[in-house]
Protein backbone atom coordinates (compact mmCIF):
# COMPACT_ATOMS: atom_id res chain seq x y z
CA MET A 1 -14.92 -89.46 22.28
CA THR A 2 -17.00 -86.43 21.42
CA LEU A 3 -20.22 -86.58 19.43
CA ALA A 4 -21.93 -83.78 17.53
CA VAL A 5 -25.67 -84.43 17.42
CA ASN A 6 -28.32 -82.48 15.51
CA GLY A 7 -31.76 -81.61 16.89
CA GLU A 8 -33.13 -84.94 15.65
CA ASP A 9 -30.64 -87.00 17.67
CA GLU A 10 -28.60 -87.92 14.61
CA ILE A 11 -24.83 -88.06 14.94
CA VAL A 12 -23.44 -85.53 12.46
CA GLY A 13 -19.84 -85.55 13.61
CA PHE A 14 -17.44 -87.12 16.07
CA GLY A 15 -13.92 -86.93 17.40
CA LEU A 16 -11.78 -89.55 19.08
CA LEU A 17 -8.63 -89.43 21.19
CA SER A 18 -6.78 -92.68 21.72
CA PRO A 19 -3.36 -93.82 22.93
CA PRO A 20 -1.04 -95.13 20.22
CA GLU A 21 -1.15 -98.84 19.43
CA SER A 22 1.58 -100.77 21.24
CA ASP A 23 3.41 -101.56 17.98
CA GLU A 24 3.48 -97.91 16.84
CA ARG A 25 6.57 -95.76 17.17
CA TRP A 26 4.67 -93.24 19.33
CA ALA A 27 4.02 -95.82 22.07
CA GLN A 28 7.75 -96.02 22.76
CA LEU A 29 7.70 -92.72 24.63
CA GLY A 30 5.97 -94.45 27.53
CA GLU A 31 2.47 -95.34 28.59
CA GLY A 32 0.19 -92.34 28.82
CA ALA A 33 2.73 -89.87 27.40
CA MET A 34 1.16 -89.54 23.97
CA VAL A 35 -2.43 -89.51 22.74
CA GLU A 36 -3.54 -89.42 19.12
CA VAL A 37 -6.39 -87.48 17.61
CA LYS A 38 -7.60 -90.59 15.78
CA ALA A 39 -10.50 -88.90 14.05
CA VAL A 40 -12.40 -85.68 13.60
CA GLU A 41 -15.21 -86.41 11.17
CA VAL A 42 -18.16 -84.24 10.13
CA SER A 43 -21.01 -85.32 7.86
CA ARG A 44 -20.80 -83.66 4.44
CA ARG A 45 -24.13 -81.89 4.98
CA TRP A 46 -22.84 -80.31 8.19
CA ARG A 47 -19.46 -79.10 7.00
CA ASN A 48 -18.58 -75.40 6.99
CA GLY A 49 -20.48 -74.99 10.24
CA ARG A 50 -17.36 -75.01 12.43
CA LEU A 51 -18.33 -78.36 13.94
CA ALA A 52 -14.79 -79.71 13.59
CA LYS A 53 -13.54 -76.80 15.68
CA GLY A 54 -16.17 -77.50 18.36
CA ILE A 55 -15.33 -81.21 18.37
CA LEU A 56 -11.62 -80.48 18.79
CA SER A 57 -12.37 -77.96 21.51
CA SER A 58 -14.31 -80.58 23.43
CA LEU A 59 -11.66 -83.28 22.92
CA LEU A 60 -8.88 -80.99 24.12
CA SER A 61 -10.62 -79.51 27.16
CA GLY A 62 -9.60 -80.32 30.70
CA SER A 63 -6.38 -80.05 32.65
CA GLU A 64 -5.25 -83.63 31.92
CA ILE A 65 -4.52 -82.63 28.35
CA GLU A 66 -1.59 -80.51 29.59
CA LYS A 67 0.10 -83.72 30.82
CA LYS A 68 0.16 -85.24 27.32
CA ILE A 69 1.70 -84.87 23.93
CA ILE A 70 -1.29 -84.90 21.61
CA TYR A 71 -0.57 -85.72 17.99
CA MET A 72 -2.39 -86.14 14.72
CA VAL A 73 -1.32 -87.96 11.62
CA GLY A 74 -2.81 -86.77 8.35
CA TYR A 75 -2.65 -89.35 5.58
CA SER A 76 -3.89 -87.81 2.35
CA TRP A 77 -5.39 -91.11 1.16
CA THR A 78 -7.92 -90.94 4.03
CA TRP A 79 -9.18 -87.42 3.25
CA ASP A 80 -12.56 -86.77 1.63
CA LEU A 81 -11.17 -84.84 -1.32
CA ASP A 82 -14.21 -85.58 -3.49
CA GLY A 83 -16.71 -84.41 -0.89
CA SER A 84 -14.68 -81.36 0.09
CA GLY A 85 -13.83 -80.23 -3.43
CA LEU A 86 -10.30 -79.48 -2.21
CA SER A 87 -6.99 -80.63 -3.61
CA ALA A 88 -4.75 -82.64 -1.31
CA GLN A 89 -2.61 -79.54 -0.65
CA GLU A 90 -5.68 -77.40 0.10
CA TYR A 91 -7.03 -80.07 2.46
CA ARG A 92 -3.64 -80.25 4.18
CA ASN A 93 -3.64 -76.46 4.61
CA MET A 94 -7.18 -76.59 6.03
CA LEU A 95 -6.06 -79.17 8.61
CA ILE A 96 -3.04 -77.05 9.56
CA ARG A 97 -5.27 -73.99 10.09
CA LEU A 98 -7.74 -76.00 12.17
CA PHE A 99 -5.19 -77.67 14.43
CA THR A 100 -3.00 -74.57 14.79
CA GLU A 101 -5.94 -72.89 16.55
CA PHE A 102 -5.41 -75.47 19.33
CA ASP A 103 -1.66 -74.90 19.69
CA PHE A 104 -0.63 -77.77 17.43
CA GLN A 105 2.45 -77.30 15.32
CA GLU A 106 3.81 -79.20 12.39
CA PHE A 107 6.67 -81.52 13.28
CA GLN A 108 9.11 -83.20 10.95
CA THR A 109 9.49 -86.96 11.19
CA ASN A 110 10.95 -89.81 9.19
CA GLU A 111 8.03 -92.12 9.99
CA PRO A 112 7.66 -94.08 6.71
CA ASN A 113 3.89 -93.79 6.23
CA ILE A 114 3.97 -90.04 6.78
CA CYS A 115 6.90 -89.67 4.38
CA LEU A 116 5.14 -91.60 1.59
CA LYS A 117 3.51 -88.46 0.19
CA PRO A 118 4.55 -84.83 0.55
CA GLU A 119 1.04 -83.73 1.49
CA ASN A 120 0.91 -86.11 4.48
CA LEU A 121 1.12 -84.37 7.80
CA PHE A 122 2.29 -84.88 11.37
CA MET A 123 1.28 -82.30 13.97
CA GLY A 124 1.56 -82.24 17.72
CA ARG A 125 0.61 -80.27 20.78
CA ILE A 126 2.98 -80.48 23.74
CA GLY A 127 1.15 -79.91 27.00
CA ASN A 128 2.39 -77.29 29.46
CA ALA A 129 3.17 -79.97 32.05
CA ILE A 130 5.50 -81.99 29.78
CA SER A 131 9.04 -82.11 31.15
CA GLU A 132 12.03 -80.95 29.12
CA LYS A 133 13.34 -84.51 29.13
CA LEU A 134 10.13 -85.87 27.64
CA GLN A 135 10.16 -83.09 25.04
CA LYS A 136 13.71 -84.05 24.05
CA ASP A 137 12.78 -87.73 23.96
CA PHE A 138 9.86 -86.86 21.67
CA LYS A 139 12.24 -84.99 19.36
CA TRP A 140 14.46 -88.06 19.05
CA LEU A 141 11.51 -90.43 18.74
CA ARG A 142 10.18 -88.52 15.72
CA PHE A 143 13.28 -89.70 13.86
CA GLY A 144 13.53 -93.15 15.43
CA VAL A 145 16.81 -92.27 17.11
CA ALA A 146 17.81 -93.18 20.68
CA PRO A 147 17.73 -92.01 23.42
CA TYR A 148 14.05 -92.43 24.23
């Protein structure tokens, strides 16, 4: 977890990495193989200050990150469209720009919740230390197809 704190010791943003839940598709790749960016949240008053970028930078620092496949799931129904003033597509594009800066790429999947709405998003970052076999297994897992 990473916290962004203002000068008055108030939390104005946070980020959280967490392994997938045991009943999620992404856990099937094996313990410790995948980690989810569960949240990157910034208080409305502190947005546009590049805090989200700093939070992600902190979450993704360290050599251990290269031994993982880091992923994020963007469900449009969880986005603060009212507070941001963005449409769902604009918010999606903002997330893509933000995560692309950290070597994430958009991946296709048939995971039902992601496929519910066209603006939903699945992105991942494959660490430099991930074997070719694990990369192939991840490709198959995205579509719920063996072998994995």
